[in-house]
Amino acid sequence: MEFEEFVKAAFVKMIYEVIKADGKVHPGELELLNKLKKRIDFDDAFIERTKELDYDNALVTLYNIPHDQKKALVDILDEVAMSDGSIHKKEMALIINTYINIGLGEESE
């Protein structure tokens, strides 16, 4: 799935937020991040730029994307959270918060 640059930036922002949610960056998370770089088409410089994005602005961007892209994001965030072998409660809370704030469950598929 291809994404417009501003949508991709919001995706990467959320991926990074899940990675750092538990306060530790695990090797499995970094390995998955490298795979996602190819899958979503971004690089380390792009990650650095997205760190500066405002979290709430990223949520607004994600709220306004099509349902299939929202679903793809949540699937990726789940994958990131599980990549270190367990889902930390802070990661799960962030994913649930994202799910709610981007309006998943409000629209029909």
PDB file of N, CA and C in Angstrom:
ATOM      1  N   MET A   1       0.843  -1.180   0.000  1.00  0.00           N
ATOM      2  CA  MET A   1       0.000   0.000   0.000  1.00  0.00           C
ATOM      3  C   MET A   1       0.888   1.243   0.000  1.00  0.00           C
ATOM      4  N   GLU A   2       0.574   2.166  -0.885  1.00  0.00           N
ATOM      5  CA  GLU A   2       1.333   3.418  -0.938  1.00  0.00           C
ATOM      6  C   GLU A   2       0.573   4.504  -0.209  1.00  0.00           C
ATOM      7  N   PHE A   3       1.346   5.423   0.381  1.00  0.00           N
ATOM      8  CA  PHE A   3       0.755   6.501   1.160  1.00  0.00           C
ATOM      9  C   PHE A   3       1.317   7.838   0.698  1.00  0.00           C
ATOM     10  N   GLU A   4       0.489   8.869   0.783  1.00  0.00           N
ATOM     11  CA  GLU A   4       0.986  10.216   0.521  1.00  0.00           C
ATOM     12  C   GLU A   4       2.008  10.554   1.609  1.00  0.00           C
ATOM     13  N   GLU A   5       2.928  11.474   1.302  1.00  0.00           N
ATOM     14  CA  GLU A   5       4.023  11.779   2.234  1.00  0.00           C
ATOM     15  C   GLU A   5       3.535  12.209   3.623  1.00  0.00           C
ATOM     16  N   PHE A   6       2.496  13.057   3.692  1.00  0.00           N
ATOM     17  CA  PHE A   6       2.029  13.523   4.996  1.00  0.00           C
ATOM     18  C   PHE A   6       1.377  12.387   5.785  1.00  0.00           C
ATOM     19  N   VAL A   7       0.755  11.439   5.095  1.00  0.00           N
ATOM     20  CA  VAL A   7       0.170  10.273   5.759  1.00  0.00           C
ATOM     21  C   VAL A   7       1.291   9.347   6.233  1.00  0.00           C
ATOM     22  N   LYS A   8       2.283   9.161   5.376  1.00  0.00           N
ATOM     23  CA  LYS A   8       3.427   8.339   5.741  1.00  0.00           C
ATOM     24  C   LYS A   8       4.129   8.916   6.976  1.00  0.00           C
ATOM     25  N   ALA A   9       4.252  10.230   7.023  1.00  0.00           N
ATOM     26  CA  ALA A   9       4.885  10.879   8.179  1.00  0.00           C
ATOM     27  C   ALA A   9       4.084  10.608   9.454  1.00  0.00           C
ATOM     28  N   ALA A  10       2.773  10.682   9.368  1.00  0.00           N
ATOM     29  CA  ALA A  10       1.932  10.403  10.539  1.00  0.00           C
ATOM     30  C   ALA A  10       2.061   8.934  10.950  1.00  0.00           C
ATOM     31  N   PHE A  11       2.116   8.022   9.980  1.00  0.00           N
ATOM     32  CA  PHE A  11       2.318   6.597  10.267  1.00  0.00           C
ATOM     33  C   PHE A  11       3.630   6.397  11.023  1.00  0.00           C
ATOM     34  N   VAL A  12       4.701   6.950  10.472  1.00  0.00           N
ATOM     35  CA  VAL A  12       6.024   6.751  11.060  1.00  0.00           C
ATOM     36  C   VAL A  12       6.081   7.374  12.456  1.00  0.00           C
ATOM     37  N   LYS A  13       5.429   8.512  12.637  1.00  0.00           N
ATOM     38  CA  LYS A  13       5.346   9.133  13.961  1.00  0.00           C
ATOM     39  C   LYS A  13       4.719   8.161  14.960  1.00  0.00           C
ATOM     40  N   MET A  14       3.621   7.535  14.581  1.00  0.00           N
ATOM     41  CA  MET A  14       2.941   6.607  15.481  1.00  0.00           C
ATOM     42  C   MET A  14       3.767   5.345  15.716  1.00  0.00           C
ATOM     43  N   ILE A  15       4.428   4.855  14.690  1.00  0.00           N
ATOM     44  CA  ILE A  15       5.317   3.696  14.855  1.00  0.00           C
ATOM     45  C   ILE A  15       6.392   4.025  15.874  1.00  0.00           C
ATOM     46  N   TYR A  16       7.010   5.179  15.722  1.00  0.00           N
ATOM     47  CA  TYR A  16       8.057   5.601  16.651  1.00  0.00           C
ATOM     48  C   TYR A  16       7.494   5.746  18.073  1.00  0.00           C
ATOM     49  N   GLU A  17       6.279   6.278  18.204  1.00  0.00           N
ATOM     50  CA  GLU A  17       5.657   6.434  19.524  1.00  0.00           C
ATOM     51  C   GLU A  17       5.454   5.077  20.199  1.00  0.00           C
ATOM     52  N   VAL A  18       5.048   4.066  19.438  1.00  0.00           N
ATOM     53  CA  VAL A  18       4.873   2.732  20.009  1.00  0.00           C
ATOM     54  C   VAL A  18       6.226   2.148  20.405  1.00  0.00           C
ATOM     55  N   ILE A  19       7.225   2.329  19.574  1.00  0.00           N
ATOM     56  CA  ILE A  19       8.560   1.804  19.885  1.00  0.00           C
ATOM     57  C   ILE A  19       9.083   2.376  21.197  1.00  0.00           C
ATOM     58  N   LYS A  20       8.873   3.651  21.435  1.00  0.00           N
ATOM     59  CA  LYS A  20       9.420   4.275  22.648  1.00  0.00           C
ATOM     60  C   LYS A  20       8.453   4.265  23.835  1.00  0.00           C
ATOM     61  N   ALA A  21       7.241   3.736  23.641  1.00  0.00           N
ATOM     62  CA  ALA A  21       6.211   3.787  24.677  1.00  0.00           C
ATOM     63  C   ALA A  21       6.632   3.150  25.994  1.00  0.00           C
ATOM     64  N   ASP A  22       7.351   2.034  25.931  1.00  0.00           N
ATOM     65  CA  ASP A  22       7.738   1.356  27.164  1.00  0.00           C
ATOM     66  C   ASP A  22       9.077   1.831  27.718  1.00  0.00           C
ATOM     67  N   GLY A  23       9.656   2.842  27.072  1.00  0.00           N
ATOM     68  CA  GLY A  23      10.914   3.404  27.567  1.00  0.00           C
ATOM     69  C   GLY A  23      12.158   2.660  27.115  1.00  0.00           C
ATOM     70  N   LYS A  24      11.984   1.607  26.330  1.00  0.00           N
ATOM     71  CA  LYS A  24      13.111   0.812  25.845  1.00  0.00           C
ATOM     72  C   LYS A  24      12.948   0.554  24.353  1.00  0.00           C
ATOM     73  N   VAL A  25      14.049   0.575  23.640  1.00  0.00           N
ATOM     74  CA  VAL A  25      14.033   0.197  22.227  1.00  0.00           C
ATOM     75  C   VAL A  25      14.653  -1.195  22.149  1.00  0.00           C
ATOM     76  N   HIS A  26      13.837  -2.171  21.792  1.00  0.00           N
ATOM     77  CA  HIS A  26      14.271  -3.561  21.765  1.00  0.00           C
ATOM     78  C   HIS A  26      14.797  -3.936  20.382  1.00  0.00           C
ATOM     79  N   PRO A  27      15.739  -4.894  20.322  1.00  0.00           N
ATOM     80  CA  PRO A  27      16.271  -5.325  19.027  1.00  0.00           C
ATOM     81  C   PRO A  27      15.186  -5.771  18.047  1.00  0.00           C
ATOM     82  N   GLY A  28      14.163  -6.466  18.519  1.00  0.00           N
ATOM     83  CA  GLY A  28      13.080  -6.907  17.643  1.00  0.00           C
ATOM     84  C   GLY A  28      12.337  -5.735  17.021  1.00  0.00           C
ATOM     85  N   GLU A  29      12.201  -4.658  17.798  1.00  0.00           N
ATOM     86  CA  GLU A  29      11.541  -3.454  17.274  1.00  0.00           C
ATOM     87  C   GLU A  29      12.377  -2.814  16.180  1.00  0.00           C
ATOM     88  N   LEU A  30      13.687  -2.772  16.394  1.00  0.00           N
ATOM     89  CA  LEU A  30      14.576  -2.200  15.373  1.00  0.00           C
ATOM     90  C   LEU A  30      14.592  -3.053  14.106  1.00  0.00           C
ATOM     91  N   GLU A  31      14.557  -4.362  14.285  1.00  0.00           N
ATOM     92  CA  GLU A  31      14.532  -5.264  13.129  1.00  0.00           C
ATOM     93  C   GLU A  31      13.253  -5.038  12.314  1.00  0.00           C
ATOM     94  N   LEU A  32      12.118  -4.937  13.011  1.00  0.00           N
ATOM     95  CA  LEU A  32      10.864  -4.689  12.309  1.00  0.00           C
ATOM     96  C   LEU A  32      10.866  -3.304  11.668  1.00  0.00           C
ATOM     97  N   LEU A  33      11.411  -2.315  12.364  1.00  0.00           N
ATOM     98  CA  LEU A  33      11.486  -0.969  11.808  1.00  0.00           C
ATOM     99  C   LEU A  33      12.232  -0.980  10.478  1.00  0.00           C
ATOM    100  N   ASN A  34      13.321  -1.737  10.400  1.00  0.00           N
ATOM    101  CA  ASN A  34      14.077  -1.839   9.153  1.00  0.00           C
ATOM    102  C   ASN A  34      13.243  -2.475   8.045  1.00  0.00           C
ATOM    103  N   LYS A  35      12.420  -3.463   8.387  1.00  0.00           N
ATOM    104  CA  LYS A  35      11.531  -4.074   7.391  1.00  0.00           C
ATOM    105  C   LYS A  35      10.467  -3.074   6.948  1.00  0.00           C
ATOM    106  N   LEU A  36       9.942  -2.302   7.904  1.00  0.00           N
ATOM    107  CA  LEU A  36       8.916  -1.315   7.580  1.00  0.00           C
ATOM    108  C   LEU A  36       9.463  -0.197   6.693  1.00  0.00           C
ATOM    109  N   LYS A  37      10.748   0.113   6.832  1.00  0.00           N
ATOM    110  CA  LYS A  37      11.369   1.131   5.975  1.00  0.00           C
ATOM    111  C   LYS A  37      11.193   0.761   4.508  1.00  0.00           C
ATOM    112  N   LYS A  38      11.386  -0.509   4.214  1.00  0.00           N
ATOM    113  CA  LYS A  38      11.235  -0.978   2.830  1.00  0.00           C
ATOM    114  C   LYS A  38       9.758  -1.058   2.444  1.00  0.00           C
ATOM    115  N   ARG A  39       8.948  -1.574   3.350  1.00  0.00           N
ATOM    116  CA  ARG A  39       7.529  -1.792   3.064  1.00  0.00           C
ATOM    117  C   ARG A  39       6.765  -0.485   2.858  1.00  0.00           C
ATOM    118  N   ILE A  40       7.072   0.513   3.684  1.00  0.00           N
ATOM    119  CA  ILE A  40       6.360   1.796   3.610  1.00  0.00           C
ATOM    120  C   ILE A  40       7.154   2.835   2.818  1.00  0.00           C
ATOM    121  N   ASP A  41       8.440   2.567   2.607  1.00  0.00           N
ATOM    122  CA  ASP A  41       9.332   3.430   1.837  1.00  0.00           C
ATOM    123  C   ASP A  41       9.692   4.717   2.578  1.00  0.00           C
ATOM    124  N   PHE A  42      10.519   4.560   3.630  1.00  0.00           N
ATOM    125  CA  PHE A  42      11.083   5.708   4.335  1.00  0.00           C
ATOM    126  C   PHE A  42      12.482   5.347   4.813  1.00  0.00           C
ATOM    127  N   ASP A  43      13.230   6.352   5.240  1.00  0.00           N
ATOM    128  CA  ASP A  43      14.603   6.132   5.694  1.00  0.00           C
ATOM    129  C   ASP A  43      14.830   6.771   7.058  1.00  0.00           C
ATOM    130  N   ASP A  44      16.063   6.677   7.555  1.00  0.00           N
ATOM    131  CA  ASP A  44      16.386   7.217   8.884  1.00  0.00           C
ATOM    132  C   ASP A  44      16.163   8.721   8.966  1.00  0.00           C
ATOM    133  N   ALA A  45      16.487   9.434   7.905  1.00  0.00           N
ATOM    134  CA  ALA A  45      16.281  10.891   7.900  1.00  0.00           C
ATOM    135  C   ALA A  45      14.794  11.211   8.014  1.00  0.00           C
ATOM    136  N   PHE A  46      13.956  10.409   7.378  1.00  0.00           N
ATOM    137  CA  PHE A  46      12.503  10.605   7.460  1.00  0.00           C
ATOM    138  C   PHE A  46      12.030  10.387   8.897  1.00  0.00           C
ATOM    139  N   ILE A  47      12.569   9.352   9.551  1.00  0.00           N
ATOM    140  CA  ILE A  47      12.221   9.093  10.958  1.00  0.00           C
ATOM    141  C   ILE A  47      12.577  10.306  11.809  1.00  0.00           C
ATOM    142  N   GLU A  48      13.757  10.844  11.611  1.00  0.00           N
ATOM    143  CA  GLU A  48      14.188  12.006  12.401  1.00  0.00           C
ATOM    144  C   GLU A  48      13.246  13.188  12.217  1.00  0.00           C
ATOM    145  N   ARG A  49      12.801  13.396  10.983  1.00  0.00           N
ATOM    146  CA  ARG A  49      11.866  14.501  10.734  1.00  0.00           C
ATOM    147  C   ARG A  49      10.519  14.256  11.405  1.00  0.00           C
ATOM    148  N   THR A  50      10.066  13.001  11.411  1.00  0.00           N
ATOM    149  CA  THR A  50       8.760  12.720  11.996  1.00  0.00           C
ATOM    150  C   THR A  50       8.771  12.821  13.510  1.00  0.00           C
ATOM    151  N   LYS A  51       9.927  12.695  14.124  1.00  0.00           N
ATOM    152  CA  LYS A  51      10.009  12.853  15.583  1.00  0.00           C
ATOM    153  C   LYS A  51       9.561  14.245  16.006  1.00  0.00           C
ATOM    154  N   GLU A  52       9.727  15.207  15.114  1.00  0.00           N
ATOM    155  CA  GLU A  52       9.360  16.590  15.417  1.00  0.00           C
ATOM    156  C   GLU A  52       7.877  16.875  15.184  1.00  0.00           C
ATOM    157  N   LEU A  53       7.171  15.950  14.543  1.00  0.00           N
ATOM    158  CA  LEU A  53       5.744  16.146  14.293  1.00  0.00           C
ATOM    159  C   LEU A  53       4.978  16.173  15.613  1.00  0.00           C
ATOM    160  N   ASP A  54       3.960  16.982  15.660  1.00  0.00           N
ATOM    161  CA  ASP A  54       3.091  17.041  16.824  1.00  0.00           C
ATOM    162  C   ASP A  54       2.193  15.803  16.827  1.00  0.00           C
ATOM    163  N   TYR A  55       2.128  15.122  17.946  1.00  0.00           N
ATOM    164  CA  TYR A  55       1.342  13.899  18.088  1.00  0.00           C
ATOM    165  C   TYR A  55      -0.128  14.137  17.721  1.00  0.00           C
ATOM    166  N   ASP A  56      -0.724  15.208  18.256  1.00  0.00           N
ATOM    167  CA  ASP A  56      -2.133  15.494  17.987  1.00  0.00           C
ATOM    168  C   ASP A  56      -2.381  15.805  16.515  1.00  0.00           C
ATOM    169  N   ASN A  57      -1.451  16.487  15.867  1.00  0.00           N
ATOM    170  CA  ASN A  57      -1.592  16.761  14.431  1.00  0.00           C
ATOM    171  C   ASN A  57      -1.528  15.466  13.624  1.00  0.00           C
ATOM    172  N   ALA A  58      -0.675  14.549  14.065  1.00  0.00           N
ATOM    173  CA  ALA A  58      -0.596  13.251  13.393  1.00  0.00           C
ATOM    174  C   ALA A  58      -1.931  12.515  13.526  1.00  0.00           C
ATOM    175  N   LEU A  59      -2.543  12.580  14.706  1.00  0.00           N
ATOM    176  CA  LEU A  59      -3.848  11.935  14.895  1.00  0.00           C
ATOM    177  C   LEU A  59      -4.910  12.541  13.980  1.00  0.00           C
ATOM    178  N   VAL A  60      -4.898  13.857  13.832  1.00  0.00           N
ATOM    179  CA  VAL A  60      -5.866  14.515  12.946  1.00  0.00           C
ATOM    180  C   VAL A  60      -5.668  14.038  11.508  1.00  0.00           C
ATOM    181  N   THR A  61      -4.419  13.966  11.071  1.00  0.00           N
ATOM    182  CA  THR A  61      -4.127  13.456   9.730  1.00  0.00           C
ATOM    183  C   THR A  61      -4.680  12.047   9.567  1.00  0.00           C
ATOM    184  N   LEU A  62      -4.426  11.211  10.558  1.00  0.00           N
ATOM    185  CA  LEU A  62      -4.853   9.816  10.475  1.00  0.00           C
ATOM    186  C   LEU A  62      -6.366   9.666  10.572  1.00  0.00           C
ATOM    187  N   TYR A  63      -7.010  10.561  11.263  1.00  0.00           N
ATOM    188  CA  TYR A  63      -8.470  10.537  11.356  1.00  0.00           C
ATOM    189  C   TYR A  63      -9.106  10.729   9.982  1.00  0.00           C
ATOM    190  N   ASN A  64      -8.433  11.489   9.136  1.00  0.00           N
ATOM    191  CA  ASN A  64      -8.985  11.867   7.836  1.00  0.00           C
ATOM    192  C   ASN A  64      -8.588  10.958   6.673  1.00  0.00           C
ATOM    193  N   ILE A  65      -7.900   9.859   6.957  1.00  0.00           N
ATOM    194  CA  ILE A  65      -7.525   8.936   5.884  1.00  0.00           C
ATOM    195  C   ILE A  65      -8.608   7.868   5.713  1.00  0.00           C
ATOM    196  N   PRO A  66      -8.606   7.181   4.570  1.00  0.00           N
ATOM    197  CA  PRO A  66      -9.600   6.130   4.331  1.00  0.00           C
ATOM    198  C   PRO A  66      -9.480   4.976   5.334  1.00  0.00           C
ATOM    199  N   HIS A  67     -10.587   4.275   5.521  1.00  0.00           N
ATOM    200  CA  HIS A  67     -10.649   3.175   6.485  1.00  0.00           C
ATOM    201  C   HIS A  67      -9.557   2.123   6.251  1.00  0.00           C
ATOM    202  N   ASP A  68      -9.307   1.753   4.984  1.00  0.00           N
ATOM    203  CA  ASP A  68      -8.304   0.720   4.722  1.00  0.00           C
ATOM    204  C   ASP A  68      -6.913   1.153   5.174  1.00  0.00           C
ATOM    205  N   GLN A  69      -6.603   2.437   5.073  1.00  0.00           N
ATOM    206  CA  GLN A  69      -5.310   2.923   5.550  1.00  0.00           C
ATOM    207  C   GLN A  69      -5.266   2.941   7.075  1.00  0.00           C
ATOM    208  N   LYS A  70      -6.390   3.287   7.716  1.00  0.00           N
ATOM    209  CA  LYS A  70      -6.446   3.237   9.189  1.00  0.00           C
ATOM    210  C   LYS A  70      -6.204   1.811   9.676  1.00  0.00           C
ATOM    211  N   LYS A  71      -6.848   0.867   9.008  1.00  0.00           N
ATOM    212  CA  LYS A  71      -6.696  -0.541   9.383  1.00  0.00           C
ATOM    213  C   LYS A  71      -5.246  -0.980   9.182  1.00  0.00           C
ATOM    214  N   ALA A  72      -4.632  -0.560   8.098  1.00  0.00           N
ATOM    215  CA  ALA A  72      -3.223  -0.896   7.851  1.00  0.00           C
ATOM    216  C   ALA A  72      -2.338  -0.339   8.958  1.00  0.00           C
ATOM    217  N   LEU A  73      -2.615   0.889   9.396  1.00  0.00           N
ATOM    218  CA  LEU A  73      -1.835   1.503  10.475  1.00  0.00           C
ATOM    219  C   LEU A  73      -1.956   0.688  11.755  1.00  0.00           C
ATOM    220  N   VAL A  74      -3.171   0.360  12.148  1.00  0.00           N
ATOM    221  CA  VAL A  74      -3.368  -0.376  13.398  1.00  0.00           C
ATOM    222  C   VAL A  74      -2.697  -1.746  13.323  1.00  0.00           C
ATOM    223  N   ASP A  75      -2.768  -2.396  12.173  1.00  0.00           N
ATOM    224  CA  ASP A  75      -2.090  -3.681  12.005  1.00  0.00           C
ATOM    225  C   ASP A  75      -0.581  -3.526  12.178  1.00  0.00           C
ATOM    226  N   ILE A  76      -0.023  -2.460  11.616  1.00  0.00           N
ATOM    227  CA  ILE A  76       1.415  -2.201  11.748  1.00  0.00           C
ATOM    228  C   ILE A  76       1.768  -1.906  13.203  1.00  0.00           C
ATOM    229  N   LEU A  77       0.968  -1.094  13.878  1.00  0.00           N
ATOM    230  CA  LEU A  77       1.248  -0.767  15.278  1.00  0.00           C
ATOM    231  C   LEU A  77       1.189  -2.019  16.148  1.00  0.00           C
ATOM    232  N   ASP A  78       0.232  -2.905  15.880  1.00  0.00           N
ATOM    233  CA  ASP A  78       0.163  -4.179  16.608  1.00  0.00           C
ATOM    234  C   ASP A  78       1.429  -4.990  16.369  1.00  0.00           C
ATOM    235  N   GLU A  79       1.858  -5.031  15.128  1.00  0.00           N
ATOM    236  CA  GLU A  79       3.064  -5.774  14.756  1.00  0.00           C
ATOM    237  C   GLU A  79       4.289  -5.206  15.481  1.00  0.00           C
ATOM    238  N   VAL A  80       4.386  -3.880  15.550  1.00  0.00           N
ATOM    239  CA  VAL A  80       5.498  -3.232  16.246  1.00  0.00           C
ATOM    240  C   VAL A  80       5.461  -3.581  17.737  1.00  0.00           C
ATOM    241  N   ALA A  81       4.284  -3.491  18.337  1.00  0.00           N
ATOM    242  CA  ALA A  81       4.157  -3.769  19.765  1.00  0.00           C
ATOM    243  C   ALA A  81       4.552  -5.208  20.100  1.00  0.00           C
ATOM    244  N   MET A  82       4.244  -6.139  19.212  1.00  0.00           N
ATOM    245  CA  MET A  82       4.545  -7.553  19.463  1.00  0.00           C
ATOM    246  C   MET A  82       5.962  -7.947  19.052  1.00  0.00           C
ATOM    247  N   SER A  83       6.669  -7.076  18.374  1.00  0.00           N
ATOM    248  CA  SER A  83       7.970  -7.430  17.805  1.00  0.00           C
ATOM    249  C   SER A  83       9.047  -7.727  18.834  1.00  0.00           C
ATOM    250  N   ASP A  84       8.850  -7.298  20.086  1.00  0.00           N
ATOM    251  CA  ASP A  84       9.844  -7.594  21.122  1.00  0.00           C
ATOM    252  C   ASP A  84       9.444  -8.799  21.974  1.00  0.00           C
ATOM    253  N   GLY A  85       8.394  -9.505  21.565  1.00  0.00           N
ATOM    254  CA  GLY A  85       7.995 -10.724  22.251  1.00  0.00           C
ATOM    255  C   GLY A  85       6.855 -10.547  23.242  1.00  0.00           C
ATOM    256  N   SER A  86       6.558  -9.326  23.606  1.00  0.00           N
ATOM    257  CA  SER A  86       5.430  -9.073  24.504  1.00  0.00           C
ATOM    258  C   SER A  86       4.916  -7.661  24.269  1.00  0.00           C
ATOM    259  N   ILE A  87       3.662  -7.460  24.624  1.00  0.00           N
ATOM    260  CA  ILE A  87       3.078  -6.131  24.471  1.00  0.00           C
ATOM    261  C   ILE A  87       3.043  -5.470  25.846  1.00  0.00           C
ATOM    262  N   HIS A  88       3.766  -4.383  25.977  1.00  0.00           N
ATOM    263  CA  HIS A  88       3.794  -3.617  27.220  1.00  0.00           C
ATOM    264  C   HIS A  88       2.474  -2.872  27.364  1.00  0.00           C
ATOM    265  N   LYS A  89       2.023  -2.698  28.603  1.00  0.00           N
ATOM    266  CA  LYS A  89       0.732  -2.025  28.820  1.00  0.00           C
ATOM    267  C   LYS A  89       0.719  -0.601  28.266  1.00  0.00           C
ATOM    268  N   LYS A  90       1.864   0.077  28.256  1.00  0.00           N
ATOM    269  CA  LYS A  90       1.922   1.424  27.685  1.00  0.00           C
ATOM    270  C   LYS A  90       1.778   1.384  26.167  1.00  0.00           C
ATOM    271  N   GLU A  91       2.341   0.356  25.539  1.00  0.00           N
ATOM    272  CA  GLU A  91       2.176   0.194  24.088  1.00  0.00           C
ATOM    273  C   GLU A  91       0.708  -0.069  23.754  1.00  0.00           C
ATOM    274  N   MET A  92       0.078  -0.957  24.536  1.00  0.00           N
ATOM    275  CA  MET A  92      -1.328  -1.285  24.284  1.00  0.00           C
ATOM    276  C   MET A  92      -2.205  -0.056  24.491  1.00  0.00           C
ATOM    277  N   ALA A  93      -1.945   0.703  25.536  1.00  0.00           N
ATOM    278  CA  ALA A  93      -2.733   1.915  25.799  1.00  0.00           C
ATOM    279  C   ALA A  93      -2.594   2.905  24.645  1.00  0.00           C
ATOM    280  N   LEU A  94      -1.383   3.055  24.126  1.00  0.00           N
ATOM    281  CA  LEU A  94      -1.150   3.976  23.012  1.00  0.00           C
ATOM    282  C   LEU A  94      -1.888   3.507  21.760  1.00  0.00           C
ATOM    283  N   ILE A  95      -1.856   2.223  21.489  1.00  0.00           N
ATOM    284  CA  ILE A  95      -2.539   1.686  20.311  1.00  0.00           C
ATOM    285  C   ILE A  95      -4.048   1.856  20.451  1.00  0.00           C
ATOM    286  N   ILE A  96      -4.588   1.559  21.616  1.00  0.00           N
ATOM    287  CA  ILE A  96      -6.030   1.731  21.835  1.00  0.00           C
ATOM    288  C   ILE A  96      -6.414   3.196  21.700  1.00  0.00           C
ATOM    289  N   ASN A  97      -5.613   4.072  22.282  1.00  0.00           N
ATOM    290  CA  ASN A  97      -5.859   5.513  22.181  1.00  0.00           C
ATOM    291  C   ASN A  97      -5.831   5.959  20.711  1.00  0.00           C
ATOM    292  N   THR A  98      -4.874   5.454  19.966  1.00  0.00           N
ATOM    293  CA  THR A  98      -4.777   5.783  18.540  1.00  0.00           C
ATOM    294  C   THR A  98      -6.013   5.270  17.804  1.00  0.00           C
ATOM    295  N   TYR A  99      -6.376   4.035  18.076  1.00  0.00           N
ATOM    296  CA  TYR A  99      -7.551   3.416  17.445  1.00  0.00           C
ATOM    297  C   TYR A  99      -8.786   4.290  17.653  1.00  0.00           C
ATOM    298  N   ILE A 100      -8.999   4.716  18.870  1.00  0.00           N
ATOM    299  CA  ILE A 100     -10.161   5.552  19.202  1.00  0.00           C
ATOM    300  C   ILE A 100     -10.062   6.919  18.529  1.00  0.00           C
ATOM    301  N   ASN A 101      -8.894   7.541  18.629  1.00  0.00           N
ATOM    302  CA  ASN A 101      -8.734   8.916  18.152  1.00  0.00           C
ATOM    303  C   ASN A 101      -8.703   9.056  16.640  1.00  0.00           C
ATOM    304  N   ILE A 102      -8.433   7.977  15.927  1.00  0.00           N
ATOM    305  CA  ILE A 102      -8.475   8.085  14.466  1.00  0.00           C
ATOM    306  C   ILE A 102      -9.833   7.646  13.912  1.00  0.00           C
ATOM    307  N   GLY A 103     -10.747   7.325  14.821  1.00  0.00           N
ATOM    308  CA  GLY A 103     -12.113   7.054  14.407  1.00  0.00           C
ATOM    309  C   GLY A 103     -12.402   5.652  13.917  1.00  0.00           C
ATOM    310  N   LEU A 104     -11.532   4.705  14.241  1.00  0.00           N
ATOM    311  CA  LEU A 104     -11.843   3.326  13.858  1.00  0.00           C
ATOM    312  C   LEU A 104     -13.020   2.850  14.687  1.00  0.00           C
ATOM    313  N   GLY A 105     -13.940   2.179  14.044  1.00  0.00           N
ATOM    314  CA  GLY A 105     -15.151   1.734  14.718  1.00  0.00           C
ATOM    315  C   GLY A 105     -16.314   2.694  14.484  1.00  0.00           C
ATOM    316  N   GLU A 106     -16.010   3.883  13.991  1.00  0.00           N
ATOM    317  CA  GLU A 106     -17.058   4.869  13.712  1.00  0.00           C
ATOM    318  C   GLU A 106     -17.620   4.739  12.308  1.00  0.00           C
ATOM    319  N   GLU A 107     -16.855   4.096  11.439  1.00  0.00           N
ATOM    320  CA  GLU A 107     -17.260   4.030  10.030  1.00  0.00           C
ATOM    321  C   GLU A 107     -17.490   2.581   9.641  1.00  0.00           C
ATOM    322  N   SER A 108     -18.205   2.388   8.586  1.00  0.00           N
ATOM    323  CA  SER A 108     -18.428   1.023   8.088  1.00  0.00           C
ATOM    324  C   SER A 108     -17.325   0.664   7.108  1.00  0.00           C
ATOM    325  N   GLU A 109     -17.054  -0.605   7.025  1.00  0.00           N
ATOM    326  CA  GLU A 109     -15.965  -1.059   6.155  1.00  0.00           C
ATOM    327  C   GLU A 109     -16.374  -1.084   4.733  1.00  0.00           C
TER     328      GLU A 109
END
